[in-house]
Amino acid sequence: MKDDADQNRPTLTRRRFFQGLTLLPVAAALPGCAPGTPTGNGTGSGTPATPAAKDYTPEFFNAAEWAFITAACDRLIPSDETGPGAVESGVPEFLDRHMQTPYAAGAIWYMQGPFLEAPSEFGYQGKLALRDILRVGIDAFDAHCRSQFDGKSFAQLSHGQQETLLKAAEGGKLELEAISSKLFFSNLLGEVKNGYFADPKYGANKDMAAWKMIGYPGMRADYIDWIGVRDKAYPLPPVDLSGRRG
């Protein structure tokens, strides 16, 4: 939970969030999203309600994993007055779909040993494919939460507790069984960002909202005259891979 000094800090903007591209506790500064404050259809128990990923039934993630993914997405990129958050944009759906691809299964990775701890410039050297990193990490994360919070899973914690845990994982300071919390967090955050800005055909970036927010033209054939323009917004709406205009 945040102390009084934290509550008095200036509100962090969506622009600053994406400039940093890292976990920032922006949600705690937003109206109705302070730790322990129910939102949406909250029950008033002190546990905030996470927006549901609507109109999609997961095929890869089980119910517990889906609850974690939805809650984590909601904290990593929350909604605000600038634009929709990861859940509203469909990022959980993107993640579930992506985990069913050959890439996530490691089919195009070199997955033979030796498996070593190596400097980051050598790339990932572990034995787990992307989907296994997320699945093992979610299970370990929830197990840690249950041991520390009276049997509660990550999705059942307050926003403040969730953010504290994610921040600890980002720095590799959260001790998890079977996996490095930093490895898990970096892959989870990378996938959330990928989904948030992906073409809508992959399940997220609903209505091209993320592209509209940053002024990205999408798949328009020619916008070279605007690449160097910094003092004006691109005047045309984005176009996705299917040819739809935002």
Protein backbone atom coordinates (compact mmCIF):
# COMPACT_ATOMS: atom_id res chain seq x y z
CA MET A 1 0.00 0.00 0.00
CA LYS A 2 1.18 3.54 -0.69
CA ASP A 3 1.99 6.05 2.03
CA ASP A 4 0.81 9.66 2.18
CA ALA A 5 3.84 10.88 0.22
CA ASP A 6 2.94 8.55 -2.64
CA GLN A 7 -0.63 9.79 -2.70
CA ASN A 8 0.54 13.42 -3.03
CA ARG A 9 2.70 12.83 -6.09
CA PRO A 10 1.51 14.37 -9.40
CA THR A 11 -0.62 12.11 -11.55
CA LEU A 12 1.47 10.17 -14.06
CA THR A 13 0.29 10.58 -17.63
CA ARG A 14 -0.21 7.87 -20.23
CA ARG A 15 2.50 9.55 -22.33
CA ARG A 16 5.06 9.20 -19.53
CA PHE A 17 4.02 5.59 -19.05
CA PHE A 18 4.81 4.67 -22.63
CA GLN A 19 7.99 6.72 -22.68
CA GLY A 20 9.30 4.56 -19.86
CA LEU A 21 7.84 1.30 -21.22
CA THR A 22 8.13 -0.19 -17.77
CA LEU A 23 5.87 -0.81 -14.84
CA LEU A 24 4.76 2.41 -13.20
CA PRO A 25 2.13 2.60 -10.46
CA VAL A 26 -0.06 4.85 -12.55
CA ALA A 27 -3.34 3.23 -11.57
CA ALA A 28 -3.01 4.27 -7.94
CA ALA A 29 -3.08 7.91 -9.01
CA LEU A 30 -6.25 7.58 -11.09
CA PRO A 31 -9.70 8.37 -9.71
CA GLY A 32 -11.43 5.25 -8.47
CA CYS A 33 -8.32 3.11 -8.78
CA ALA A 34 -6.57 3.74 -5.49
CA PRO A 35 -5.43 0.59 -3.69
CA GLY A 36 -8.28 -1.01 -1.79
CA THR A 37 -10.95 1.04 -3.58
CA PRO A 38 -13.59 -1.05 -5.33
CA THR A 39 -14.22 -0.19 -8.97
CA GLY A 40 -16.67 -1.42 -11.56
CA ASN A 41 -18.78 -4.14 -9.93
CA GLY A 42 -16.65 -4.38 -6.80
CA THR A 43 -18.19 -5.92 -3.74
CA GLY A 44 -16.86 -3.36 -1.30
CA SER A 45 -14.58 -5.95 0.32
CA GLY A 46 -11.44 -3.90 -0.42
CA THR A 47 -10.57 -6.02 -3.45
CA PRO A 48 -11.01 -3.98 -6.67
CA ALA A 49 -12.92 -5.45 -9.55
CA THR A 50 -10.90 -6.04 -12.72
CA PRO A 51 -12.68 -5.34 -16.01
CA ALA A 52 -13.68 -8.59 -17.67
CA ALA A 53 -12.20 -9.63 -21.02
CA LYS A 54 -15.57 -9.74 -22.77
CA ASP A 55 -16.86 -11.94 -25.57
CA TYR A 56 -13.92 -14.32 -25.58
CA THR A 57 -13.45 -17.78 -24.08
CA PRO A 58 -9.77 -18.68 -23.55
CA GLU A 59 -8.50 -21.87 -25.14
CA PHE A 60 -4.93 -21.94 -23.81
CA PHE A 61 -5.20 -20.48 -20.31
CA ASN A 62 -7.24 -22.24 -17.64
CA ALA A 63 -9.58 -20.29 -15.36
CA ALA A 64 -6.96 -19.45 -12.73
CA GLU A 65 -4.40 -18.41 -15.36
CA TRP A 66 -7.00 -16.32 -17.17
CA ALA A 67 -7.87 -14.49 -13.95
CA PHE A 68 -4.17 -13.72 -13.39
CA ILE A 69 -3.64 -12.55 -16.97
CA THR A 70 -6.67 -10.27 -16.87
CA ALA A 71 -5.66 -8.75 -13.53
CA ALA A 72 -2.00 -8.30 -14.56
CA CYS A 73 -2.94 -6.67 -17.88
CA ASP A 74 -5.22 -4.29 -16.01
CA ARG A 75 -2.30 -3.17 -13.80
CA LEU A 76 0.39 -3.03 -16.49
CA ILE A 77 -1.61 -0.81 -18.84
CA PRO A 78 -4.65 0.58 -16.98
CA SER A 79 -7.27 2.70 -18.67
CA ASP A 80 -7.40 6.46 -18.13
CA GLU A 81 -8.81 9.59 -19.74
CA THR A 82 -6.28 9.29 -22.60
CA GLY A 83 -7.29 5.88 -23.82
CA PRO A 84 -8.36 2.32 -23.04
CA GLY A 85 -6.29 -0.05 -20.95
CA ALA A 86 -4.95 -3.45 -21.93
CA VAL A 87 -8.08 -5.33 -20.84
CA GLU A 88 -10.47 -3.02 -22.69
CA SER A 89 -8.23 -3.30 -25.77
CA GLY A 90 -8.38 -7.11 -25.76
CA VAL A 91 -4.80 -7.88 -24.72
CA PRO A 92 -5.78 -10.99 -22.70
CA GLU A 93 -7.36 -12.38 -25.87
CA PHE A 94 -4.17 -11.61 -27.81
CA LEU A 95 -2.09 -13.44 -25.22
CA ASP A 96 -4.33 -16.51 -25.28
CA ARG A 97 -4.20 -16.65 -29.07
CA HIS A 98 -0.47 -16.05 -29.22
CA MET A 99 0.27 -18.84 -26.76
CA GLN A 100 -1.20 -21.26 -29.32
CA THR A 101 1.26 -20.30 -32.07
CA PRO A 102 4.43 -22.21 -33.10
CA TYR A 103 6.50 -19.24 -31.93
CA ALA A 104 5.15 -19.37 -28.37
CA ALA A 105 5.59 -23.15 -28.33
CA GLY A 106 9.27 -22.76 -29.18
CA ALA A 107 8.91 -24.50 -32.55
CA ILE A 108 11.18 -21.94 -34.24
CA TRP A 109 13.53 -21.50 -31.27
CA TYR A 110 16.73 -23.39 -30.61
CA MET A 111 15.64 -25.32 -27.53
CA GLN A 112 18.50 -27.74 -26.89
CA GLY A 113 21.07 -27.53 -24.12
CA PRO A 114 23.27 -26.57 -22.52
CA PHE A 115 20.99 -24.21 -20.59
CA LEU A 116 23.16 -21.55 -18.98
CA GLU A 117 22.94 -18.28 -17.13
CA ALA A 118 24.31 -15.83 -19.70
CA PRO A 119 24.59 -12.05 -20.13
CA SER A 120 21.53 -10.46 -21.71
CA GLU A 121 23.38 -9.68 -24.95
CA PHE A 122 23.47 -13.42 -25.69
CA GLY A 123 19.69 -13.69 -25.56
CA TYR A 124 17.53 -16.17 -23.73
CA GLN A 125 19.37 -19.40 -22.85
CA GLY A 126 16.71 -21.24 -20.84
CA LYS A 127 14.78 -24.44 -21.44
CA LEU A 128 11.25 -23.01 -21.31
CA ALA A 129 9.41 -21.81 -24.41
CA LEU A 130 7.47 -18.57 -24.16
CA ARG A 131 4.14 -20.17 -23.31
CA ASP A 132 5.81 -22.29 -20.62
CA ILE A 133 7.49 -19.23 -19.14
CA LEU A 134 4.08 -17.63 -18.72
CA ARG A 135 2.32 -20.76 -17.50
CA VAL A 136 5.02 -21.72 -14.97
CA GLY A 137 5.36 -18.10 -13.91
CA ILE A 138 1.65 -17.60 -13.32
CA ASP A 139 1.44 -20.76 -11.24
CA ALA A 140 4.48 -19.75 -9.18
CA PHE A 141 3.20 -16.18 -8.77
CA ASP A 142 -0.18 -17.35 -7.53
CA ALA A 143 1.46 -19.84 -5.18
CA HIS A 144 3.55 -17.04 -3.71
CA CYS A 145 0.45 -14.89 -3.26
CA ARG A 146 -1.47 -17.67 -1.54
CA SER A 147 1.39 -18.21 0.89
CA GLN A 148 1.68 -14.52 1.74
CA PHE A 149 -1.94 -13.31 1.60
CA ASP A 150 -4.04 -15.86 3.47
CA GLY A 151 -4.74 -18.09 0.50
CA LYS A 152 -5.64 -15.30 -1.94
CA SER A 153 -4.54 -15.50 -5.56
CA PHE A 154 -2.99 -12.54 -7.38
CA ALA A 155 -6.33 -11.64 -8.97
CA GLN A 156 -7.97 -11.41 -5.55
CA LEU A 157 -5.52 -8.85 -4.15
CA SER A 158 -5.97 -5.08 -4.08
CA HIS A 159 -4.50 -2.97 -6.86
CA GLY A 160 -1.82 -1.68 -4.52
CA GLN A 161 -0.75 -5.19 -3.53
CA GLN A 162 -0.73 -6.30 -7.16
CA GLU A 163 1.44 -3.36 -8.20
CA THR A 164 3.89 -3.95 -5.37
CA LEU A 165 4.30 -7.59 -6.39
CA LEU A 166 4.70 -6.77 -10.07
CA LYS A 167 7.29 -4.11 -9.28
CA ALA A 168 9.23 -6.60 -7.16
CA ALA A 169 9.10 -9.14 -10.00
CA GLU A 170 10.30 -6.52 -12.47
CA GLY A 171 13.44 -6.05 -10.41
CA GLY A 172 13.91 -9.77 -9.81
CA LYS A 173 13.27 -9.29 -6.09
CA LEU A 174 10.32 -11.65 -5.84
CA GLU A 175 11.33 -15.20 -4.92
CA LEU A 176 9.33 -17.67 -6.99
CA GLU A 177 9.56 -21.43 -7.22
CA ALA A 178 10.82 -22.91 -10.51
CA ILE A 179 11.35 -19.62 -12.37
CA SER A 180 13.04 -16.25 -12.14
CA SER A 181 10.48 -13.55 -11.40
CA LYS A 182 12.42 -11.13 -13.60
CA LEU A 183 12.34 -13.56 -16.54
CA PHE A 184 8.63 -14.10 -16.09
CA PHE A 185 7.83 -10.40 -15.74
CA SER A 186 9.92 -9.28 -18.72
CA ASN A 187 8.22 -11.80 -21.00
CA LEU A 188 4.76 -10.98 -19.66
CA LEU A 189 5.26 -7.23 -20.07
CA GLY A 190 6.69 -7.71 -23.56
CA GLU A 191 3.66 -9.71 -24.62
CA VAL A 192 1.25 -7.17 -23.12
CA LYS A 193 2.93 -4.35 -25.05
CA ASN A 194 3.00 -6.43 -28.24
CA GLY A 195 -0.72 -7.07 -27.96
CA TYR A 196 -1.62 -3.50 -27.09
CA PHE A 197 -0.04 -2.14 -30.28
CA ALA A 198 -0.62 -5.13 -32.59
CA ASP A 199 -2.91 -5.16 -35.59
CA PRO A 200 -6.51 -5.80 -34.46
CA LYS A 201 -6.60 -9.06 -36.43
CA TYR A 202 -4.57 -10.64 -33.61
CA GLY A 203 -7.22 -9.98 -31.00
CA ALA A 204 -6.17 -6.75 -29.28
CA ASN A 205 -5.95 -3.03 -30.11
CA LYS A 206 -9.73 -3.00 -30.49
CA ASP A 207 -10.92 -0.29 -32.89
CA MET A 208 -7.24 0.63 -33.39
CA ALA A 209 -7.50 2.70 -30.21
CA ALA A 210 -3.81 2.39 -29.32
CA TRP A 211 -2.79 3.53 -32.81
CA LYS A 212 -5.15 6.49 -32.64
CA MET A 213 -3.76 7.43 -29.23
CA ILE A 214 -0.15 7.66 -30.50
CA GLY A 215 -1.01 8.91 -34.01
CA TYR A 216 0.22 5.79 -35.80
CA PRO A 217 -1.17 5.57 -39.37
CA GLY A 218 -1.21 1.79 -39.45
CA MET A 219 -0.98 0.12 -42.85
CA ARG A 220 -1.45 3.22 -44.97
CA ALA A 221 0.58 2.88 -48.14
CA ASP A 222 2.22 6.29 -48.11
CA TYR A 223 2.85 8.64 -45.22
CA ILE A 224 6.53 9.37 -45.86
CA ASP A 225 5.91 13.13 -46.02
CA TRP A 226 4.82 13.02 -42.38
CA ILE A 227 7.67 10.99 -40.90
CA GLY A 228 9.69 14.05 -39.97
CA VAL A 229 6.75 16.19 -38.84
CA ARG A 230 6.81 16.80 -35.10
CA ASP A 231 4.56 19.81 -34.55
CA LYS A 232 1.37 18.46 -36.16
CA ALA A 233 -0.72 15.35 -35.68
CA TYR A 234 -1.12 12.99 -38.64
CA PRO A 235 -4.46 14.08 -40.17
CA LEU A 236 -5.83 10.70 -41.32
CA PRO A 237 -7.15 7.78 -39.25
CA PRO A 238 -5.18 4.51 -39.14
CA VAL A 239 -5.82 1.56 -41.45
CA ASP A 240 -5.41 -2.05 -40.33
CA LEU A 241 -4.19 -5.08 -42.28
CA SER A 242 -7.70 -5.92 -43.47
CA GLY A 243 -8.14 -2.42 -44.91
CA ARG A 244 -10.53 -1.13 -42.28
CA ARG A 245 -10.19 2.54 -41.36
CA GLY A 246 -10.09 3.58 -37.73
